[in-house]
Amino acid sequence: MSDQENKKVSRRNWLGTVTTASIGTGLMAVTPNAFGAERRHTLAITGNDTGVKVYNIRDYGAKGDGKTLDTKALQAAIDACTADQGGMVLVPAGVFPIGTVELKSNVTLHIAAQGKLLGTTDGKQYYAADAIPLSGDSTLGDGNVGLLFAVKAENITIEGSGTIDGQGSQFRSPIKGVLPPAGISGAHRPYHLLFHQCTNLTVRDIYLLNSAFHSVRVIQSEFVKLEGLHIRGRVVSNNDGFHFISSKYVHVSNCDVQSQDDACALFGSCKFITITGCSFSTRWSVFRFGGGEAENITVSNCLIYEAYGCPIKMRCGPGSRFENISFSNIVMKDVTGPISIGIGLNSRPGEGDKAPGIVRNISFSGITATVVKPVRLRDVEFDSNYNPGEVFSCVTLNAMENVYMENITFNDVHITFPGGGTAEQGAVREVPKVAGEYYQMGVPPSYGLYARNVRGLILHNVSLSMASSDLRPALVFEHVEDAAVNGLNLQGDKQAESVCRFTNSTDVLMTATRVKGAAQVFLQVEGTDNHNIKIDGGDLSKAAKKLTFAAGATAQAVKLRE
């Protein structure tokens, strides 16, 4: 045999020469004859598995029978895991009722496909995390109670194909002033998941069902990844999906959220946020911004359906700033009030001495929306009341007094509205100066887009249509400056006063505008402070008259070239 042949070792000979330790899995060793169906041997613990051990909660006394309270067993497994420098806490198949449990650093909580953590309906089993400060009235505002919570922890993961069920319907009062069956209400109810000042947090693939309050609440945390979650909560009026407060580097992807309240709220100073590939349905808002400094945020490739509130809602009060926020490639099906941005001087408590809010560099691209009259959400056990401004809604950019929002862009946006607006609604000139909830303005005087106090507005390839007759204008500008409008398609109504109305607006360029449907007037210009409005080209032939002037406006303010 040659030297080269001597160097060759067959697979069988190699298995016979390798030690059991060298091919072990860390948990099992394989004997030389293992592939001949010989028995495997369990390795002795050598200390090399620190940080990767599995802590089955049944080994700590959990019953999983759906009746016995397993809070202590789950907490004991978590405590042991974090004390051993981390590892995996396993919730196996079974139903495990629990009260409040604290998650801790370096713990992965894995819920098996047939495993369920069931929030107990005994309100006495929940307690507040005192390290988490309250905001607002403790009886009405935000609480600090979690079914699962963590404070100042790091490297936490919650994963698996199992379920966390909060049994939230047991926390809904049957009559105002009467405690619900669980015996606690308001801010004393538990969130599904509550995190405060945590770092490196991951939640993935879990089914979060029927929270008693918000489902996922993340406060002042960084490096957060939420992916593949199915959230369904429509059993109490303020079932939020995601609720972020002053958090950074948050990434949400491939989630499905069906909520009763805000589906994805971003409050306080949220920065460096991405949300992509998700679907949302809710009675109220989907993307809800309020307070703080929200900046460097992108929302893309999302589906919004049956959202009977306002899919994109920003309320910028004194001292707040919303900047560099992008919404792209979004389909909205059966929604109301599709987009609303408001800045105002009207203050909440403590805001009176702050500077006016700032909104700038907000873009909407690739948006397709079908707006409808609101109805009751499917599979909801109670009715919702709707305000007139929700029934007759539009896209709203609403600043006031001497405050302007800046650099707002709509590109490739196509929206169909339900119609039904009256001539009286379209004739309203004094729109209430309210920047809170979008519907507090009352019925907007436009069926399509209403813009007040906007500087630097771009509309490119935008289409505003209606499913049935609406006697409000399609487009209303009040105190709009420096606007570039190109490729705008508007549907007129021959009984409406005009297709567009501009009031005290300056430096507006409209090119390649097209009017669909018969109309009396294309543009009515009102007020004494209009200047440098140019209409260049397009197809305005469906309008009997191109321009009319009222309230002191003169023809010198407009240059028309067909």
Protein backbone atom coordinates (compact mmCIF):
# COMPACT_ATOMS: atom_id res chain seq x y z
CA MET A 1 0.00 0.00 0.00
CA SER A 2 1.40 3.43 -0.93
CA ASP A 3 1.99 6.22 1.57
CA GLN A 4 -0.84 8.15 -0.01
CA GLU A 5 -3.19 5.23 0.52
CA ASN A 6 -2.07 4.90 4.13
CA LYS A 7 -3.25 8.44 4.71
CA LYS A 8 -6.74 7.61 3.61
CA VAL A 9 -9.15 6.81 6.43
CA SER A 10 -12.59 5.41 5.79
CA ARG A 11 -15.70 6.97 7.41
CA ARG A 12 -16.15 3.81 9.53
CA ASN A 13 -12.52 3.80 10.70
CA TRP A 14 -12.73 7.52 11.47
CA LEU A 15 -15.80 7.01 13.67
CA GLY A 16 -13.92 4.29 15.48
CA THR A 17 -11.02 6.56 16.30
CA VAL A 18 -12.86 9.71 17.35
CA THR A 19 -13.55 10.12 21.06
CA THR A 20 -17.06 10.40 22.31
CA ALA A 21 -16.45 13.90 23.67
CA SER A 22 -15.22 15.20 20.34
CA ILE A 23 -18.48 14.49 18.51
CA GLY A 24 -20.91 15.08 21.33
CA THR A 25 -23.70 17.60 20.98
CA GLY A 26 -23.05 19.12 24.35
CA LEU A 27 -25.94 17.14 25.76
CA MET A 28 -25.35 13.70 24.28
CA ALA A 29 -22.28 11.66 23.31
CA VAL A 30 -22.18 9.19 20.45
CA THR A 31 -20.39 5.85 20.85
CA PRO A 32 -18.29 4.44 17.99
CA ASN A 33 -21.15 2.12 17.08
CA ALA A 34 -23.92 4.71 17.48
CA PHE A 35 -24.82 4.58 13.83
CA GLY A 36 -25.44 0.88 14.32
CA ALA A 37 -28.30 1.72 16.70
CA GLU A 38 -26.20 1.41 19.87
CA ARG A 39 -27.53 3.39 22.82
CA ARG A 40 -26.48 7.01 23.41
CA HIS A 41 -25.05 8.19 26.72
CA THR A 42 -25.97 11.40 28.56
CA LEU A 43 -22.96 13.57 29.21
CA ALA A 44 -22.15 14.67 32.72
CA ILE A 45 -22.54 18.44 33.31
CA THR A 46 -19.09 19.93 33.00
CA GLY A 47 -19.92 23.63 33.44
CA ASN A 48 -19.47 24.32 29.74
CA ASP A 49 -23.17 24.97 29.26
CA THR A 50 -23.31 28.15 31.34
CA GLY A 51 -25.72 30.60 29.74
CA VAL A 52 -27.33 28.03 27.44
CA LYS A 53 -29.21 25.73 29.81
CA VAL A 54 -32.93 25.09 29.47
CA TYR A 55 -35.20 25.73 32.47
CA ASN A 56 -38.50 23.91 31.98
CA ILE A 57 -41.11 25.57 34.18
CA ARG A 58 -42.65 22.16 34.97
CA ASP A 59 -39.39 21.33 36.74
CA TYR A 60 -40.13 24.28 39.04
CA GLY A 61 -43.62 23.13 39.94
CA ALA A 62 -45.78 24.45 37.11
CA LYS A 63 -48.87 22.30 36.50
CA GLY A 64 -50.12 23.62 33.18
CA ASP A 65 -53.63 22.35 33.86
CA GLY A 66 -55.38 25.65 33.11
CA LYS A 67 -56.53 25.97 36.73
CA THR A 68 -53.55 26.02 39.07
CA LEU A 69 -51.81 29.37 39.40
CA ASP A 70 -48.30 28.91 38.01
CA THR A 71 -46.90 32.38 38.69
CA LYS A 72 -44.36 31.24 41.29
CA ALA A 73 -43.07 28.41 39.14
CA LEU A 74 -42.50 30.66 36.14
CA GLN A 75 -40.83 33.31 38.30
CA ALA A 76 -38.59 30.69 39.94
CA ALA A 77 -37.44 29.41 36.55
CA ILE A 78 -36.67 32.95 35.38
CA ASP A 79 -34.77 33.74 38.59
CA ALA A 80 -32.70 30.57 38.29
CA CYS A 81 -31.96 31.25 34.63
CA THR A 82 -30.72 34.81 35.16
CA ALA A 83 -28.69 33.73 38.21
CA ASP A 84 -26.88 31.18 36.01
CA GLN A 85 -25.91 33.93 33.51
CA GLY A 86 -28.90 33.29 31.31
CA GLY A 87 -30.37 30.63 29.10
CA MET A 88 -33.82 29.52 27.98
CA VAL A 89 -36.94 29.33 30.15
CA LEU A 90 -39.25 26.85 28.47
CA VAL A 91 -43.03 26.98 28.62
CA PRO A 92 -43.98 23.53 27.26
CA ALA A 93 -47.37 22.38 26.04
CA GLY A 94 -50.14 23.20 28.51
CA VAL A 95 -52.13 26.14 29.82
CA PHE A 96 -50.38 28.02 32.63
CA PRO A 97 -52.43 30.66 34.50
CA ILE A 98 -50.22 33.44 35.88
CA GLY A 99 -50.32 36.84 37.52
CA THR A 100 -47.55 39.42 37.25
CA VAL A 101 -44.12 37.97 36.42
CA GLU A 102 -40.82 39.87 36.11
CA LEU A 103 -38.51 39.08 33.22
CA LYS A 104 -34.79 39.54 33.84
CA SER A 105 -31.54 39.94 31.95
CA ASN A 106 -30.14 37.30 29.59
CA VAL A 107 -33.36 35.25 29.64
CA THR A 108 -35.02 33.79 26.55
CA LEU A 109 -38.63 32.89 27.30
CA HIS A 110 -39.67 30.24 24.78
CA ILE A 111 -43.36 29.35 24.57
CA ALA A 112 -43.93 26.07 22.74
CA ALA A 113 -46.54 25.87 19.99
CA GLN A 114 -49.08 24.24 22.31
CA GLY A 115 -48.04 26.30 25.31
CA LYS A 116 -50.12 29.18 26.67
CA LEU A 117 -49.51 31.73 29.39
CA LEU A 118 -52.98 32.65 30.58
CA GLY A 119 -53.46 35.89 32.48
CA THR A 120 -55.51 35.12 35.57
CA THR A 121 -58.85 36.87 36.03
CA ASP A 122 -58.05 37.39 39.72
CA GLY A 123 -57.00 41.04 39.85
CA LYS A 124 -55.24 40.51 43.18
CA GLN A 125 -52.51 38.55 41.38
CA TYR A 126 -51.20 41.64 39.58
CA TYR A 127 -48.88 44.24 41.04
CA ALA A 128 -47.33 47.48 39.87
CA ALA A 129 -43.69 47.86 38.92
CA ASP A 130 -42.91 50.80 41.20
CA ALA A 131 -39.71 51.55 39.26
CA ILE A 132 -41.86 52.55 36.26
CA PRO A 133 -43.23 56.08 36.76
CA LEU A 134 -46.85 56.76 36.00
CA SER A 135 -48.01 59.35 33.50
CA GLY A 136 -51.36 61.01 33.85
CA ASP A 137 -54.09 60.30 36.38
CA SER A 138 -53.37 56.87 37.88
CA THR A 139 -57.05 55.98 37.59
CA LEU A 140 -57.44 57.03 33.97
CA GLY A 141 -53.99 57.40 32.45
CA ASP A 142 -51.16 55.00 31.76
CA GLY A 143 -50.37 52.31 34.29
CA ASN A 144 -47.28 50.37 35.36
CA VAL A 145 -48.69 46.86 35.67
CA GLY A 146 -47.62 44.08 33.34
CA LEU A 147 -48.50 40.45 32.92
CA LEU A 148 -44.82 40.14 31.96
CA PHE A 149 -42.58 43.11 32.68
CA ALA A 150 -38.91 44.05 32.83
CA VAL A 151 -37.10 47.10 34.18
CA LYS A 152 -33.52 48.09 33.28
CA ALA A 153 -32.84 44.61 31.93
CA GLU A 154 -30.86 43.57 28.88
CA ASN A 155 -30.75 40.72 26.41
CA ILE A 156 -34.35 39.59 26.80
CA THR A 157 -36.07 37.46 24.16
CA ILE A 158 -39.66 36.22 24.08
CA GLU A 159 -40.24 33.74 21.28
CA GLY A 160 -42.06 30.65 20.11
CA SER A 161 -45.30 29.80 18.36
CA GLY A 162 -47.30 29.75 21.58
CA THR A 163 -49.82 32.19 23.04
CA ILE A 164 -50.06 34.81 25.75
CA ASP A 165 -53.74 35.33 26.54
CA GLY A 166 -54.66 38.22 28.82
CA GLN A 167 -58.39 37.36 29.12
CA GLY A 168 -59.02 41.07 28.73
CA SER A 169 -62.81 40.87 28.53
CA GLN A 170 -62.84 40.10 32.25
CA PHE A 171 -61.34 43.55 32.85
CA ARG A 172 -64.11 45.46 31.03
CA SER A 173 -66.75 47.05 33.24
CA PRO A 174 -70.31 46.07 32.32
CA ILE A 175 -71.60 49.46 33.48
CA LYS A 176 -69.75 52.69 34.12
CA GLY A 177 -68.79 52.94 37.77
CA VAL A 178 -69.00 49.19 38.36
CA LEU A 179 -65.86 47.09 38.72
CA PRO A 180 -65.33 44.42 36.06
CA PRO A 181 -65.30 40.70 36.95
CA ALA A 182 -61.50 40.77 37.50
CA GLY A 183 -61.96 43.36 40.26
CA ILE A 184 -59.53 45.96 38.84
CA SER A 185 -59.95 48.62 36.18
CA GLY A 186 -58.29 51.66 34.63
CA ALA A 187 -54.53 51.94 35.01
CA HIS A 188 -54.46 48.97 37.39
CA ARG A 189 -55.05 46.55 34.53
CA PRO A 190 -52.02 44.64 33.18
CA TYR A 191 -50.39 45.10 29.80
CA HIS A 192 -49.36 41.91 28.01
CA LEU A 193 -45.70 42.98 27.86
CA LEU A 194 -44.25 46.00 29.64
CA PHE A 195 -40.62 47.08 29.26
CA HIS A 196 -38.97 50.09 30.88
CA GLN A 197 -35.39 51.22 30.16
CA CYS A 198 -34.40 47.88 28.64
CA THR A 199 -31.68 47.20 26.07
CA ASN A 200 -31.47 44.55 23.37
CA LEU A 201 -35.04 43.32 23.48
CA THR A 202 -36.54 40.84 21.01
CA VAL A 203 -40.12 39.55 20.78
CA ARG A 204 -40.94 37.25 17.87
CA ASP A 205 -43.58 34.87 16.53
CA ILE A 206 -45.82 34.97 19.63
CA TYR A 207 -49.62 35.19 19.48
CA LEU A 208 -50.70 37.99 21.86
CA LEU A 209 -54.41 37.64 22.53
CA ASN A 210 -56.94 39.83 24.37
CA SER A 211 -54.81 42.02 26.58
CA ALA A 212 -56.52 43.78 29.46
CA PHE A 213 -54.78 47.02 28.36
CA HIS A 214 -52.08 47.68 25.72
CA SER A 215 -50.44 44.61 24.27
CA VAL A 216 -46.77 45.65 23.90
CA ARG A 217 -45.64 48.76 25.77
CA VAL A 218 -41.98 49.81 25.43
CA ILE A 219 -40.69 52.79 27.44
CA GLN A 220 -37.29 54.48 27.13
CA SER A 221 -35.71 51.36 25.68
CA GLU A 222 -33.14 50.82 22.95
CA PHE A 223 -32.34 48.19 20.35
CA VAL A 224 -35.77 46.61 20.16
CA LYS A 225 -36.81 44.07 17.55
CA LEU A 226 -40.42 42.93 17.19
CA GLU A 227 -41.14 40.51 14.38
CA GLY A 228 -43.72 38.00 13.26
CA LEU A 229 -46.19 38.87 16.03
CA HIS A 230 -49.94 38.32 15.81
CA ILE A 231 -51.69 40.76 18.12
CA ARG A 232 -55.43 40.64 18.58
CA GLY A 233 -57.13 42.76 21.20
CA ARG A 234 -60.65 44.13 20.83
CA VAL A 235 -62.13 43.34 24.20
CA VAL A 236 -61.63 46.70 25.97
CA SER A 237 -61.87 50.19 24.49
CA ASN A 238 -58.16 51.02 24.88
CA ASN A 239 -56.61 47.85 23.50
CA ASP A 240 -53.48 49.30 21.88
CA GLY A 241 -51.24 47.07 19.81
CA PHE A 242 -47.74 48.57 20.04
CA HIS A 243 -47.15 51.57 22.28
CA PHE A 244 -43.67 53.09 22.19
CA ILE A 245 -42.57 55.92 24.48
CA SER A 246 -39.23 57.69 23.97
CA SER A 247 -37.52 54.63 22.53
CA LYS A 248 -34.69 54.35 19.99
CA TYR A 249 -33.51 51.86 17.40
CA VAL A 250 -36.83 50.02 17.25
CA HIS A 251 -37.57 47.72 14.32
CA VAL A 252 -41.02 46.19 13.72
CA SER A 253 -41.54 43.76 10.86
CA ASN A 254 -44.02 41.17 9.56
CA CYS A 255 -46.59 41.68 12.31
CA ASP A 256 -50.39 41.50 12.14
CA VAL A 257 -52.26 43.77 14.54
CA GLN A 258 -56.01 43.88 15.12
CA SER A 259 -56.66 46.36 17.91
CA GLN A 260 -59.42 48.49 19.34
CA ASP A 261 -57.30 51.57 20.09
CA ASP A 262 -54.01 52.84 18.63
CA ALA A 263 -52.40 50.01 16.67
CA CYS A 264 -48.91 51.52 16.73
CA ALA A 265 -48.51 54.59 18.94
CA LEU A 266 -45.25 56.55 19.09
CA PHE A 267 -45.21 59.00 21.96
CA GLY A 268 -42.40 61.07 23.38
CA SER A 269 -39.00 61.19 21.70
CA CYS A 270 -39.02 58.13 19.45
CA LYS A 271 -36.05 58.04 17.06
CA PHE A 272 -34.52 55.67 14.52
CA ILE A 273 -37.66 53.56 14.05
CA THR A 274 -38.50 51.28 11.12
CA ILE A 275 -41.87 49.58 10.58
CA THR A 276 -42.28 47.34 7.55
CA GLY A 277 -44.28 44.47 6.13
CA CYS A 278 -47.12 44.69 8.67
CA SER A 279 -50.92 44.74 8.55
CA PHE A 280 -53.11 46.80 10.87
CA SER A 281 -56.81 47.16 11.67
CA THR A 282 -58.32 49.29 14.45
CA ARG A 283 -61.20 51.45 15.60
CA TRP A 284 -58.90 54.43 16.24
CA SER A 285 -55.46 55.27 14.89
CA VAL A 286 -52.77 53.08 13.38
CA PHE A 287 -49.66 55.29 13.44
CA ARG A 288 -50.30 57.75 16.25
CA PHE A 289 -47.71 60.40 17.11
CA GLY A 290 -48.02 62.58 20.19
CA GLY A 291 -45.56 64.79 22.04
CA GLY A 292 -41.77 64.75 22.28
CA GLU A 293 -39.32 64.74 19.40
CA ALA A 294 -40.15 62.04 16.84
CA GLU A 295 -37.59 61.88 14.07
CA ASN A 296 -35.83 59.58 11.61
CA ILE A 297 -38.75 57.17 11.22
CA THR A 298 -39.79 55.11 8.20
CA VAL A 299 -43.01 53.16 7.65
CA SER A 300 -43.09 51.05 4.50
CA ASN A 301 -44.85 48.19 2.72
CA CYS A 302 -47.79 48.01 5.10
CA LEU A 303 -51.46 47.16 4.71
CA ILE A 304 -54.08 49.09 6.68
CA TYR A 305 -57.65 47.85 6.54
CA GLU A 306 -60.88 48.47 8.47
CA ALA A 307 -59.33 51.36 10.37
CA TYR A 308 -62.28 53.49 11.45
CA GLY A 309 -60.40 56.34 13.05
CA CYS A 310 -57.30 57.78 11.41
CA PRO A 311 -54.55 55.56 9.96
CA ILE A 312 -51.84 58.23 10.22
CA LYS A 313 -52.37 60.79 12.96
CA MET A 314 -49.90 63.35 14.32
CA ARG A 315 -50.70 65.78 17.11
CA CYS A 316 -47.79 68.18 17.63
CA GLY A 317 -48.31 70.32 20.71
CA PRO A 318 -46.09 73.06 22.16
CA GLY A 319 -42.51 71.94 22.73
CA SER A 320 -42.78 68.98 20.34
CA ARG A 321 -41.01 68.31 17.05
CA PHE A 322 -41.83 65.79 14.30
CA GLU A 323 -39.17 65.66 11.60
CA ASN A 324 -37.78 63.37 8.89
CA ILE A 325 -40.63 60.86 8.80
CA SER A 326 -41.47 58.80 5.70
CA PHE A 327 -44.53 56.71 4.80
CA SER A 328 -44.17 54.68 1.60
CA ASN A 329 -45.87 51.85 -0.28
CA ILE A 330 -48.96 51.65 1.89
CA VAL A 331 -52.38 50.28 0.94
CA MET A 332 -55.36 51.51 2.95
CA LYS A 333 -58.60 49.59 2.42
CA ASP A 334 -61.83 50.76 4.10
CA VAL A 335 -60.52 53.53 6.34
CA THR A 336 -61.64 56.94 7.56
CA GLY A 337 -59.62 60.15 7.98
CA PRO A 338 -56.61 58.66 6.18
CA ILE A 339 -53.95 61.22 7.13
CA SER A 340 -54.08 64.01 9.70
CA ILE A 341 -51.28 66.29 10.92
CA GLY A 342 -52.04 69.01 13.45
CA ILE A 343 -49.98 71.72 15.12
CA GLY A 344 -51.57 74.05 17.61
CA LEU A 345 -51.08 76.55 20.36
CA ASN A 346 -53.86 75.07 22.44
CA SER A 347 -52.01 73.47 25.33
CA ARG A 348 -52.34 70.55 27.62
CA PRO A 349 -51.38 71.01 31.27
CA GLY A 350 -47.74 72.08 31.51
CA GLU A 351 -47.44 73.11 27.84
CA GLY A 352 -48.39 76.75 28.20
CA ASP A 353 -44.84 78.13 28.46
CA LYS A 354 -43.35 76.04 25.66
CA ALA A 355 -42.51 77.11 22.11
CA PRO A 356 -44.90 76.12 19.33
CA GLY A 357 -44.50 72.65 17.89
CA ILE A 358 -42.47 71.93 14.77
CA VAL A 359 -43.48 69.63 11.93
CA ARG A 360 -41.26 69.39 8.86
CA ASN A 361 -39.89 67.00 6.26
CA ILE A 362 -42.79 64.53 6.24
CA SER A 363 -43.29 62.49 3.07
CA PHE A 364 -46.04 60.21 1.76
CA SER A 365 -45.20 58.10 -1.28
CA GLY A 366 -46.96 55.23 -3.03
CA ILE A 367 -50.19 55.49 -1.03
CA THR A 368 -53.44 53.94 -2.26
CA ALA A 369 -56.50 54.44 -0.07
CA THR A 370 -60.22 53.69 -0.13
CA VAL A 371 -62.08 55.85 2.39
CA VAL A 372 -65.50 54.73 3.63
CA LYS A 373 -68.13 55.64 6.17
CA PRO A 374 -67.22 54.01 9.50
CA VAL A 375 -69.05 50.93 10.76
CA ARG A 376 -68.72 48.65 13.76
CA LEU A 377 -65.58 46.54 13.67
CA ARG A 378 -66.10 42.84 13.17
CA ASP A 379 -65.95 40.55 16.21
CA VAL A 380 -66.20 43.42 18.72
CA GLU A 381 -68.49 42.94 21.70
CA PHE A 382 -69.48 46.60 22.10
CA ASP A 383 -70.44 49.54 19.90
CA SER A 384 -68.35 52.57 19.01
CA ASN A 385 -69.72 56.06 18.54
CA TYR A 386 -68.49 58.08 15.57
CA ASN A 387 -68.06 61.84 15.37
CA PRO A 388 -69.27 63.84 12.34
CA GLY A 389 -65.66 64.57 11.38
CA GLU A 390 -65.01 60.83 11.15
CA VAL A 391 -68.02 60.23 8.94
CA PHE A 392 -67.06 63.07 6.57
CA SER A 393 -63.27 62.94 6.57
CA CYS A 394 -60.36 63.92 4.35
CA VAL A 395 -56.57 64.33 4.37
CA THR A 396 -55.88 67.17 6.80
CA LEU A 397 -52.80 69.36 7.26
CA ASN A 398 -53.84 71.67 10.03
CA ALA A 399 -51.65 74.35 11.60
CA MET A 400 -52.90 77.66 12.91
CA GLU A 401 -52.22 81.20 14.09
CA ASN A 402 -48.64 82.03 13.08
CA VAL A 403 -47.41 78.43 13.20
CA TYR A 404 -46.61 76.65 9.93
CA MET A 405 -45.68 73.07 9.10
CA GLU A 406 -42.97 72.80 6.48
CA ASN A 407 -41.91 70.57 3.60
CA ILE A 408 -44.79 68.13 3.34
CA THR A 409 -44.66 65.90 0.26
CA PHE A 410 -47.27 63.66 -1.39
CA ASN A 411 -45.99 61.62 -4.31
CA ASP A 412 -47.95 58.96 -6.19
CA VAL A 413 -50.95 59.14 -3.83
CA HIS A 414 -54.38 57.93 -4.98
CA ILE A 415 -57.38 58.20 -2.68
CA THR A 416 -61.07 57.50 -3.27
CA PHE A 417 -63.53 59.09 -0.84
CA PRO A 418 -67.11 57.97 -0.13
CA GLY A 419 -68.86 61.26 -0.91
CA GLY A 420 -72.03 62.52 0.72
CA GLY A 421 -70.77 65.94 1.78
CA THR A 422 -73.26 68.82 1.54
CA ALA A 423 -72.99 72.30 0.10
CA GLU A 424 -73.39 73.71 3.63
CA GLN A 425 -70.40 71.69 4.81
CA GLY A 426 -68.34 72.89 1.86
CA ALA A 427 -69.29 76.51 2.50
CA VAL A 428 -67.66 76.58 5.97
CA ARG A 429 -64.89 79.20 6.08
CA GLU A 430 -64.19 79.39 9.80
CA VAL A 431 -62.74 75.98 10.53
CA PRO A 432 -62.22 75.52 14.30
CA LYS A 433 -58.58 76.04 15.27
CA VAL A 434 -58.10 72.78 17.10
CA ALA A 435 -55.03 70.56 16.68
CA GLY A 436 -56.06 67.70 18.92
CA GLU A 437 -58.01 64.78 17.52
CA TYR A 438 -58.56 65.40 13.82
CA TYR A 439 -62.33 65.15 14.05
CA GLN A 440 -62.48 68.00 16.62
CA MET A 441 -62.28 70.38 13.67
CA GLY A 442 -65.77 69.25 12.81
CA VAL A 443 -66.61 68.29 9.25
CA PRO A 444 -63.74 69.48 7.02
CA PRO A 445 -64.71 71.83 4.17
CA SER A 446 -62.99 69.57 1.62
CA TYR A 447 -63.71 65.99 0.64
CA GLY A 448 -60.08 65.39 -0.44
CA LEU A 449 -57.28 67.53 1.02
CA TYR A 450 -57.54 70.44 3.45
CA ALA A 451 -54.29 72.35 4.12
CA ARG A 452 -53.97 75.30 6.50
CA ASN A 453 -50.69 77.08 7.29
CA VAL A 454 -48.34 74.92 5.25
CA ARG A 455 -45.05 76.18 3.83
CA GLY A 456 -43.35 74.03 1.22
CA LEU A 457 -46.11 71.66 0.04
CA ILE A 458 -45.49 69.27 -2.86
CA LEU A 459 -48.26 67.29 -4.56
CA HIS A 460 -46.99 65.11 -7.41
CA ASN A 461 -49.13 62.57 -9.25
CA VAL A 462 -51.95 62.81 -6.72
CA SER A 463 -55.50 61.66 -7.46
CA LEU A 464 -58.53 62.60 -5.34
CA SER A 465 -61.79 60.89 -6.36
CA MET A 466 -65.20 60.20 -4.83
CA ALA A 467 -67.44 57.17 -5.00
CA SER A 468 -70.60 59.30 -4.95
CA SER A 469 -71.55 62.94 -5.14
CA ASP A 470 -69.87 65.34 -2.68
CA LEU A 471 -70.57 69.07 -2.74
CA ARG A 472 -67.41 70.06 -0.89
CA PRO A 473 -64.34 71.13 -2.89
CA ALA A 474 -61.74 68.47 -3.59
CA LEU A 475 -58.86 70.73 -2.51
CA VAL A 476 -58.80 73.64 -0.05
CA PHE A 477 -55.69 75.75 0.70
CA GLU A 478 -55.70 78.33 3.50
CA HIS A 479 -52.50 80.30 4.07
CA VAL A 480 -50.42 77.90 2.00
CA GLU A 481 -47.03 79.17 0.82
CA ASP A 482 -44.54 77.80 -1.68
CA ALA A 483 -46.57 74.91 -3.10
CA ALA A 484 -45.70 72.87 -6.19
CA VAL A 485 -48.62 70.87 -7.57
CA ASN A 486 -47.96 68.67 -10.60
CA GLY A 487 -50.11 65.99 -12.20
CA LEU A 488 -53.06 66.52 -9.86
CA ASN A 489 -56.25 64.65 -10.79
CA LEU A 490 -59.41 65.96 -9.14
CA GLN A 491 -63.00 64.86 -9.45
CA GLY A 492 -65.49 67.66 -9.64
CA ASP A 493 -69.21 67.83 -8.97
CA LYS A 494 -71.38 70.11 -11.07
CA GLN A 495 -73.43 71.11 -8.00
CA ALA A 496 -70.38 72.05 -5.90
CA GLU A 497 -69.28 75.67 -5.67
CA SER A 498 -65.80 74.86 -7.02
CA VAL A 499 -63.29 72.05 -7.41
CA CYS A 500 -60.53 73.97 -5.58
CA ARG A 501 -60.55 76.91 -3.17
CA PHE A 502 -57.49 78.97 -2.24
CA THR A 503 -57.60 81.51 0.58
CA ASN A 504 -54.72 83.95 1.19
CA SER A 505 -52.14 81.65 -0.40
CA THR A 506 -48.93 82.64 -2.17
CA ASP A 507 -46.35 81.20 -4.56
CA VAL A 508 -48.45 78.28 -5.71
CA LEU A 509 -47.60 76.57 -9.02
CA MET A 510 -50.08 74.10 -10.52
CA THR A 511 -49.03 72.20 -13.65
CA ALA A 512 -50.69 69.42 -15.62
CA THR A 513 -53.86 69.50 -13.52
CA ARG A 514 -56.81 67.47 -14.71
CA VAL A 515 -60.45 67.82 -13.69
CA LYS A 516 -62.58 64.69 -13.96
CA GLY A 517 -66.34 65.19 -14.15
CA ALA A 518 -68.39 68.28 -14.83
CA ALA A 519 -67.84 71.26 -12.52
CA GLN A 520 -69.05 74.84 -12.23
CA VAL A 521 -65.68 76.39 -11.32
CA PHE A 522 -62.16 75.01 -11.23
CA LEU A 523 -60.64 77.44 -8.69
CA GLN A 524 -62.22 80.00 -6.41
CA VAL A 525 -59.71 82.44 -4.92
CA GLU A 526 -60.65 84.26 -1.72
CA GLY A 527 -59.01 86.93 0.46
CA THR A 528 -56.78 89.92 -0.04
CA ASP A 529 -53.44 88.19 0.59
CA ASN A 530 -53.20 85.88 -2.41
CA HIS A 531 -50.16 86.31 -4.63
CA ASN A 532 -48.28 84.59 -7.44
CA ILE A 533 -50.64 81.70 -8.07
CA LYS A 534 -49.81 80.12 -11.44
CA ILE A 535 -51.87 77.52 -13.28
CA ASP A 536 -49.94 76.14 -16.22
CA GLY A 537 -51.39 73.64 -18.64
CA GLY A 538 -53.47 70.57 -17.91
CA ASP A 539 -57.05 69.77 -18.80
CA LEU A 540 -59.62 72.00 -17.13
CA SER A 541 -62.19 71.65 -19.90
CA LYS A 542 -64.78 69.95 -17.66
CA ALA A 543 -65.09 73.14 -15.59
CA ALA A 544 -67.59 75.69 -16.98
CA LYS A 545 -65.47 78.51 -15.51
CA LYS A 546 -61.79 78.36 -14.71
CA LEU A 547 -61.55 81.08 -12.05
CA THR A 548 -63.76 83.07 -9.71
CA PHE A 549 -62.80 85.57 -7.01
CA ALA A 550 -64.38 86.48 -3.67
CA ALA A 551 -63.74 88.19 -0.32
CA GLY A 552 -61.42 90.81 -1.80
CA ALA A 553 -59.39 88.54 -4.08
CA THR A 554 -58.45 89.96 -7.48
CA ALA A 555 -57.50 88.51 -10.85
CA GLN A 556 -53.97 89.95 -10.45
CA ALA A 557 -53.19 87.17 -7.94
CA VAL A 558 -53.55 84.41 -10.53
CA LYS A 559 -51.88 83.73 -13.85
CA LEU A 560 -53.66 81.10 -15.95
CA ARG A 561 -52.17 79.48 -19.05
CA GLU A 562 -54.16 76.66 -20.62
